[in-house]
Amino acid sequence: MQQAVRPWWKEPWPWLLMSGPLAAMAACGVTIWLAMTHPDKPIEEGVSRHGLVVERQGAARAVSGATATERP
């Protein structure tokens, strides 16, 4: 006896397996859209940015000078 073979698009397993990557692609698109429509605000004057660290230029010199003199 042979069973009737259903087409792949009528089976639930391919759709279940494809739903994860499809959801990730949709989330990636939303993330790119949010990044493009909401840019970062510029930093104010007197501030320098090094990667994720934002420092005031005068405070950075005072802190680095104070720590250099306090070391034994």
PDB file of N, CA and C in Angstrom:
ATOM      1  N   MET A   1       0.812  -1.188   0.000  1.00  0.00           N
ATOM      2  CA  MET A   1       0.000   0.000   0.000  1.00  0.00           C
ATOM      3  C   MET A   1       0.856   1.253   0.000  1.00  0.00           C
ATOM      4  N   GLN A   2       0.448   2.216  -0.746  1.00  0.00           N
ATOM      5  CA  GLN A   2       1.138   3.505  -0.803  1.00  0.00           C
ATOM      6  C   GLN A   2       0.245   4.585  -0.210  1.00  0.00           C
ATOM      7  N   GLN A   3       0.887   5.463   0.575  1.00  0.00           N
ATOM      8  CA  GLN A   3       0.143   6.585   1.124  1.00  0.00           C
ATOM      9  C   GLN A   3       0.199   7.737   0.132  1.00  0.00           C
ATOM     10  N   ALA A   4      -0.801   8.553   0.153  1.00  0.00           N
ATOM     11  CA  ALA A   4      -0.812   9.741  -0.701  1.00  0.00           C
ATOM     12  C   ALA A   4       0.220  10.729  -0.166  1.00  0.00           C
ATOM     13  N   VAL A   5       1.092  11.188  -1.021  1.00  0.00           N
ATOM     14  CA  VAL A   5       2.142  12.126  -0.632  1.00  0.00           C
ATOM     15  C   VAL A   5       1.599  13.546  -0.766  1.00  0.00           C
ATOM     16  N   ARG A   6       1.672  14.264   0.364  1.00  0.00           N
ATOM     17  CA  ARG A   6       1.204  15.646   0.335  1.00  0.00           C
ATOM     18  C   ARG A   6       2.333  16.551  -0.128  1.00  0.00           C
ATOM     19  N   PRO A   7       2.042  17.652  -0.819  1.00  0.00           N
ATOM     20  CA  PRO A   7       3.086  18.607  -1.206  1.00  0.00           C
ATOM     21  C   PRO A   7       3.723  19.221   0.048  1.00  0.00           C
ATOM     22  N   TRP A   8       4.959  19.681  -0.097  1.00  0.00           N
ATOM     23  CA  TRP A   8       5.708  20.161   1.062  1.00  0.00           C
ATOM     24  C   TRP A   8       5.059  21.383   1.713  1.00  0.00           C
ATOM     25  N   TRP A   9       4.396  22.225   0.935  1.00  0.00           N
ATOM     26  CA  TRP A   9       3.834  23.446   1.507  1.00  0.00           C
ATOM     27  C   TRP A   9       2.575  23.178   2.324  1.00  0.00           C
ATOM     28  N   LYS A  10       2.059  21.964   2.266  1.00  0.00           N
ATOM     29  CA  LYS A  10       0.897  21.614   3.089  1.00  0.00           C
ATOM     30  C   LYS A  10       1.303  20.905   4.382  1.00  0.00           C
ATOM     31  N   GLU A  11       2.572  20.664   4.557  1.00  0.00           N
ATOM     32  CA  GLU A  11       3.076  20.055   5.778  1.00  0.00           C
ATOM     33  C   GLU A  11       3.427  21.163   6.775  1.00  0.00           C
ATOM     34  N   PRO A  12       3.241  20.952   8.077  1.00  0.00           N
ATOM     35  CA  PRO A  12       3.542  22.011   9.054  1.00  0.00           C
ATOM     36  C   PRO A  12       5.034  22.155   9.361  1.00  0.00           C
ATOM     37  N   TRP A  13       5.830  21.096   9.223  1.00  0.00           N
ATOM     38  CA  TRP A  13       7.231  21.134   9.631  1.00  0.00           C
ATOM     39  C   TRP A  13       8.081  22.121   8.840  1.00  0.00           C
ATOM     40  N   PRO A  14       7.972  22.199   7.523  1.00  0.00           N
ATOM     41  CA  PRO A  14       8.796  23.207   6.837  1.00  0.00           C
ATOM     42  C   PRO A  14       8.475  24.634   7.284  1.00  0.00           C
ATOM     43  N   TRP A  15       7.211  24.923   7.527  1.00  0.00           N
ATOM     44  CA  TRP A  15       6.824  26.263   7.953  1.00  0.00           C
ATOM     45  C   TRP A  15       7.324  26.550   9.364  1.00  0.00           C
ATOM     46  N   LEU A  16       7.290  25.544  10.214  1.00  0.00           N
ATOM     47  CA  LEU A  16       7.806  25.710  11.566  1.00  0.00           C
ATOM     48  C   LEU A  16       9.315  25.955  11.535  1.00  0.00           C
ATOM     49  N   LEU A  17      10.031  25.206  10.712  1.00  0.00           N
ATOM     50  CA  LEU A  17      11.477  25.371  10.620  1.00  0.00           C
ATOM     51  C   LEU A  17      11.876  26.691   9.956  1.00  0.00           C
ATOM     52  N   MET A  18      11.074  27.202   9.054  1.00  0.00           N
ATOM     53  CA  MET A  18      11.384  28.466   8.376  1.00  0.00           C
ATOM     54  C   MET A  18      10.957  29.684   9.182  1.00  0.00           C
ATOM     55  N   SER A  19      10.103  29.498  10.185  1.00  0.00           N
ATOM     56  CA  SER A  19       9.582  30.658  10.917  1.00  0.00           C
ATOM     57  C   SER A  19      10.665  31.365  11.733  1.00  0.00           C
ATOM     58  N   GLY A  20      11.617  30.640  12.297  1.00  0.00           N
ATOM     59  CA  GLY A  20      12.688  31.264  13.089  1.00  0.00           C
ATOM     60  C   GLY A  20      13.562  32.193  12.267  1.00  0.00           C
ATOM     61  N   PRO A  21      14.163  31.695  11.168  1.00  0.00           N
ATOM     62  CA  PRO A  21      14.973  32.593  10.338  1.00  0.00           C
ATOM     63  C   PRO A  21      14.173  33.746   9.729  1.00  0.00           C
ATOM     64  N   LEU A  22      12.926  33.499   9.369  1.00  0.00           N
ATOM     65  CA  LEU A  22      12.104  34.589   8.815  1.00  0.00           C
ATOM     66  C   LEU A  22      11.823  35.664   9.866  1.00  0.00           C
ATOM     67  N   ALA A  23      11.581  35.253  11.101  1.00  0.00           N
ATOM     68  CA  ALA A  23      11.368  36.226  12.182  1.00  0.00           C
ATOM     69  C   ALA A  23      12.649  37.018  12.450  1.00  0.00           C
ATOM     70  N   ALA A  24      13.800  36.351  12.379  1.00  0.00           N
ATOM     71  CA  ALA A  24      15.071  37.051  12.585  1.00  0.00           C
ATOM     72  C   ALA A  24      15.327  38.058  11.467  1.00  0.00           C
ATOM     73  N   MET A  25      14.991  37.714  10.239  1.00  0.00           N
ATOM     74  CA  MET A  25      15.171  38.653   9.123  1.00  0.00           C
ATOM     75  C   MET A  25      14.251  39.856   9.280  1.00  0.00           C
ATOM     76  N   ALA A  26      13.026  39.632   9.730  1.00  0.00           N
ATOM     77  CA  ALA A  26      12.096  40.748   9.943  1.00  0.00           C
ATOM     78  C   ALA A  26      12.604  41.650  11.067  1.00  0.00           C
ATOM     79  N   ALA A  27      13.099  41.056  12.152  1.00  0.00           N
ATOM     80  CA  ALA A  27      13.643  41.852  13.262  1.00  0.00           C
ATOM     81  C   ALA A  27      14.875  42.628  12.823  1.00  0.00           C
ATOM     82  N   CYS A  28      15.696  42.054  11.967  1.00  0.00           N
ATOM     83  CA  CYS A  28      16.870  42.753  11.442  1.00  0.00           C
ATOM     84  C   CYS A  28      16.436  43.962  10.618  1.00  0.00           C
ATOM     85  N   GLY A  29      15.419  43.801   9.807  1.00  0.00           N
ATOM     86  CA  GLY A  29      14.905  44.915   9.019  1.00  0.00           C
ATOM     87  C   GLY A  29      14.378  46.038   9.898  1.00  0.00           C
ATOM     88  N   VAL A  30      13.669  45.681  10.963  1.00  0.00           N
ATOM     89  CA  VAL A  30      13.151  46.692  11.890  1.00  0.00           C
ATOM     90  C   VAL A  30      14.305  47.402  12.587  1.00  0.00           C
ATOM     91  N   THR A  31      15.330  46.661  12.985  1.00  0.00           N
ATOM     92  CA  THR A  31      16.489  47.256  13.650  1.00  0.00           C
ATOM     93  C   THR A  31      17.214  48.225  12.722  1.00  0.00           C
ATOM     94  N   ILE A  32      17.396  47.848  11.463  1.00  0.00           N
ATOM     95  CA  ILE A  32      18.041  48.741  10.498  1.00  0.00           C
ATOM     96  C   ILE A  32      17.193  49.985  10.282  1.00  0.00           C
ATOM     97  N   TRP A  33      15.885  49.823  10.180  1.00  0.00           N
ATOM     98  CA  TRP A  33      15.003  50.975   9.985  1.00  0.00           C
ATOM     99  C   TRP A  33      15.086  51.919  11.180  1.00  0.00           C
ATOM    100  N   LEU A  34      15.075  51.363  12.402  1.00  0.00           N
ATOM    101  CA  LEU A  34      15.180  52.209  13.600  1.00  0.00           C
ATOM    102  C   LEU A  34      16.515  52.948  13.642  1.00  0.00           C
ATOM    103  N   ALA A  35      17.591  52.273  13.269  1.00  0.00           N
ATOM    104  CA  ALA A  35      18.905  52.919  13.277  1.00  0.00           C
ATOM    105  C   ALA A  35      18.990  54.030  12.246  1.00  0.00           C
ATOM    106  N   MET A  36      18.346  53.867  11.120  1.00  0.00           N
ATOM    107  CA  MET A  36      18.403  54.882  10.064  1.00  0.00           C
ATOM    108  C   MET A  36      17.495  56.073  10.364  1.00  0.00           C
ATOM    109  N   THR A  37      16.385  55.855  11.035  1.00  0.00           N
ATOM    110  CA  THR A  37      15.436  56.951  11.269  1.00  0.00           C
ATOM    111  C   THR A  37      15.673  57.683  12.584  1.00  0.00           C
ATOM    112  N   HIS A  38      16.423  57.104  13.515  1.00  0.00           N
ATOM    113  CA  HIS A  38      16.692  57.733  14.808  1.00  0.00           C
ATOM    114  C   HIS A  38      18.202  57.811  15.033  1.00  0.00           C
ATOM    115  N   PRO A  39      18.880  58.762  14.402  1.00  0.00           N
ATOM    116  CA  PRO A  39      20.342  58.844  14.554  1.00  0.00           C
ATOM    117  C   PRO A  39      20.726  59.312  15.964  1.00  0.00           C
ATOM    118  N   ASP A  40      21.974  59.034  16.338  1.00  0.00           N
ATOM    119  CA  ASP A  40      22.486  59.480  17.637  1.00  0.00           C
ATOM    120  C   ASP A  40      22.582  61.001  17.662  1.00  0.00           C
ATOM    121  N   LYS A  41      22.337  61.573  18.822  1.00  0.00           N
ATOM    122  CA  LYS A  41      22.471  63.017  18.981  1.00  0.00           C
ATOM    123  C   LYS A  41      23.954  63.359  19.018  1.00  0.00           C
ATOM    124  N   PRO A  42      24.347  64.504  18.440  1.00  0.00           N
ATOM    125  CA  PRO A  42      25.763  64.885  18.508  1.00  0.00           C
ATOM    126  C   PRO A  42      26.155  65.229  19.941  1.00  0.00           C
ATOM    127  N   ILE A  43      27.405  64.973  20.260  1.00  0.00           N
ATOM    128  CA  ILE A  43      27.872  65.295  21.599  1.00  0.00           C
ATOM    129  C   ILE A  43      28.117  66.791  21.692  1.00  0.00           C
ATOM    130  N   GLU A  44      28.031  67.341  22.897  1.00  0.00           N
ATOM    131  CA  GLU A  44      28.176  68.782  23.085  1.00  0.00           C
ATOM    132  C   GLU A  44      29.640  69.196  22.997  1.00  0.00           C
ATOM    133  N   GLU A  45      29.860  70.491  22.894  1.00  0.00           N
ATOM    134  CA  GLU A  45      31.226  71.000  22.774  1.00  0.00           C
ATOM    135  C   GLU A  45      31.973  70.806  24.084  1.00  0.00           C
ATOM    136  N   GLY A  46      33.287  70.629  23.996  1.00  0.00           N
ATOM    137  CA  GLY A  46      34.108  70.421  25.170  1.00  0.00           C
ATOM    138  C   GLY A  46      34.112  68.966  25.625  1.00  0.00           C
ATOM    139  N   VAL A  47      33.622  68.077  24.775  1.00  0.00           N
ATOM    140  CA  VAL A  47      33.532  66.672  25.120  1.00  0.00           C
ATOM    141  C   VAL A  47      34.189  65.877  24.012  1.00  0.00           C
ATOM    142  N   SER A  48      34.964  64.862  24.381  1.00  0.00           N
ATOM    143  CA  SER A  48      35.554  63.992  23.368  1.00  0.00           C
ATOM    144  C   SER A  48      34.976  62.599  23.520  1.00  0.00           C
ATOM    145  N   ARG A  49      34.871  61.910  22.406  1.00  0.00           N
ATOM    146  CA  ARG A  49      34.285  60.577  22.407  1.00  0.00           C
ATOM    147  C   ARG A  49      35.326  59.579  21.926  1.00  0.00           C
ATOM    148  N   HIS A  50      35.547  58.543  22.727  1.00  0.00           N
ATOM    149  CA  HIS A  50      36.481  57.475  22.383  1.00  0.00           C
ATOM    150  C   HIS A  50      35.711  56.160  22.432  1.00  0.00           C
ATOM    151  N   GLY A  51      35.170  55.726  21.306  1.00  0.00           N
ATOM    152  CA  GLY A  51      34.332  54.524  21.290  1.00  0.00           C
ATOM    153  C   GLY A  51      33.026  54.801  22.009  1.00  0.00           C
ATOM    154  N   LEU A  52      32.739  54.062  23.056  1.00  0.00           N
ATOM    155  CA  LEU A  52      31.520  54.272  23.833  1.00  0.00           C
ATOM    156  C   LEU A  52      31.726  55.200  25.016  1.00  0.00           C
ATOM    157  N   VAL A  53      32.965  55.587  25.284  1.00  0.00           N
ATOM    158  CA  VAL A  53      33.275  56.441  26.430  1.00  0.00           C
ATOM    159  C   VAL A  53      33.243  57.901  25.994  1.00  0.00           C
ATOM    160  N   VAL A  54      32.476  58.711  26.715  1.00  0.00           N
ATOM    161  CA  VAL A  54      32.393  60.148  26.456  1.00  0.00           C
ATOM    162  C   VAL A  54      32.987  60.857  27.665  1.00  0.00           C
ATOM    163  N   GLU A  55      34.020  61.688  27.428  1.00  0.00           N
ATOM    164  CA  GLU A  55      34.697  62.382  28.530  1.00  0.00           C
ATOM    165  C   GLU A  55      34.738  63.873  28.255  1.00  0.00           C
ATOM    166  N   ARG A  56      34.672  64.650  29.318  1.00  0.00           N
ATOM    167  CA  ARG A  56      34.910  66.084  29.190  1.00  0.00           C
ATOM    168  C   ARG A  56      36.410  66.264  29.035  1.00  0.00           C
ATOM    169  N   GLN A  57      36.812  67.137  28.137  1.00  0.00           N
ATOM    170  CA  GLN A  57      38.233  67.276  27.850  1.00  0.00           C
ATOM    171  C   GLN A  57      39.001  67.844  29.032  1.00  0.00           C
ATOM    172  N   GLY A  58      38.487  68.804  29.746  1.00  0.00           N
ATOM    173  CA  GLY A  58      39.170  69.366  30.908  1.00  0.00           C
ATOM    174  C   GLY A  58      39.216  68.381  32.062  1.00  0.00           C
ATOM    175  N   ALA A  59      38.139  67.635  32.269  1.00  0.00           N
ATOM    176  CA  ALA A  59      38.083  66.669  33.369  1.00  0.00           C
ATOM    177  C   ALA A  59      39.029  65.508  33.116  1.00  0.00           C
ATOM    178  N   ALA A  60      39.191  65.119  31.880  1.00  0.00           N
ATOM    179  CA  ALA A  60      40.079  63.998  31.566  1.00  0.00           C
ATOM    180  C   ALA A  60      41.514  64.361  31.895  1.00  0.00           C
ATOM    181  N   ARG A  61      41.913  65.601  31.620  1.00  0.00           N
ATOM    182  CA  ARG A  61      43.280  66.028  31.935  1.00  0.00           C
ATOM    183  C   ARG A  61      43.477  66.124  33.441  1.00  0.00           C
ATOM    184  N   ALA A  62      42.483  66.638  34.167  1.00  0.00           N
ATOM    185  CA  ALA A  62      42.601  66.783  35.615  1.00  0.00           C
ATOM    186  C   ALA A  62      42.673  65.416  36.292  1.00  0.00           C
ATOM    187  N   VAL A  63      41.864  64.476  35.826  1.00  0.00           N
ATOM    188  CA  VAL A  63      41.866  63.152  36.422  1.00  0.00           C
ATOM    189  C   VAL A  63      43.172  62.444  36.112  1.00  0.00           C
ATOM    190  N   SER A  64      43.626  62.518  34.866  1.00  0.00           N
ATOM    191  CA  SER A  64      44.871  61.829  34.511  1.00  0.00           C
ATOM    192  C   SER A  64      46.068  62.456  35.226  1.00  0.00           C
ATOM    193  N   GLY A  65      46.052  63.767  35.428  1.00  0.00           N
ATOM    194  CA  GLY A  65      47.136  64.428  36.158  1.00  0.00           C
ATOM    195  C   GLY A  65      47.104  64.069  37.630  1.00  0.00           C
ATOM    196  N   ALA A  66      45.909  63.976  38.209  1.00  0.00           N
ATOM    197  CA  ALA A  66      45.794  63.658  39.644  1.00  0.00           C
ATOM    198  C   ALA A  66      46.223  62.231  39.910  1.00  0.00           C
ATOM    199  N   THR A  67      45.877  61.308  39.046  1.00  0.00           N
ATOM    200  CA  THR A  67      46.250  59.914  39.295  1.00  0.00           C
ATOM    201  C   THR A  67      47.734  59.692  39.069  1.00  0.00           C
ATOM    202  N   ALA A  68      48.330  60.473  38.191  1.00  0.00           N
ATOM    203  CA  ALA A  68      49.763  60.295  37.932  1.00  0.00           C
ATOM    204  C   ALA A  68      50.591  60.787  39.118  1.00  0.00           C
ATOM    205  N   THR A  69      50.126  61.840  39.801  1.00  0.00           N
ATOM    206  CA  THR A  69      50.905  62.372  40.923  1.00  0.00           C
ATOM    207  C   THR A  69      50.666  61.589  42.193  1.00  0.00           C
ATOM    208  N   GLU A  70      49.526  60.906  42.329  1.00  0.00           N
ATOM    209  CA  GLU A  70      49.223  60.181  43.551  1.00  0.00           C
ATOM    210  C   GLU A  70      49.870  58.796  43.591  1.00  0.00           C
ATOM    211  N   ARG A  71      50.372  58.300  42.517  1.00  0.00           N
ATOM    212  CA  ARG A  71      50.980  56.964  42.515  1.00  0.00           C
ATOM    213  C   ARG A  71      52.319  57.000  43.235  1.00  0.00           C
ATOM    214  N   PRO A  72      52.617  55.983  44.029  1.00  0.00           N
ATOM    215  CA  PRO A  72      53.905  55.966  44.754  1.00  0.00           C
ATOM    216  C   PRO A  72      55.079  55.689  43.853  1.00  0.00           C
TER     217      PRO A  72
END
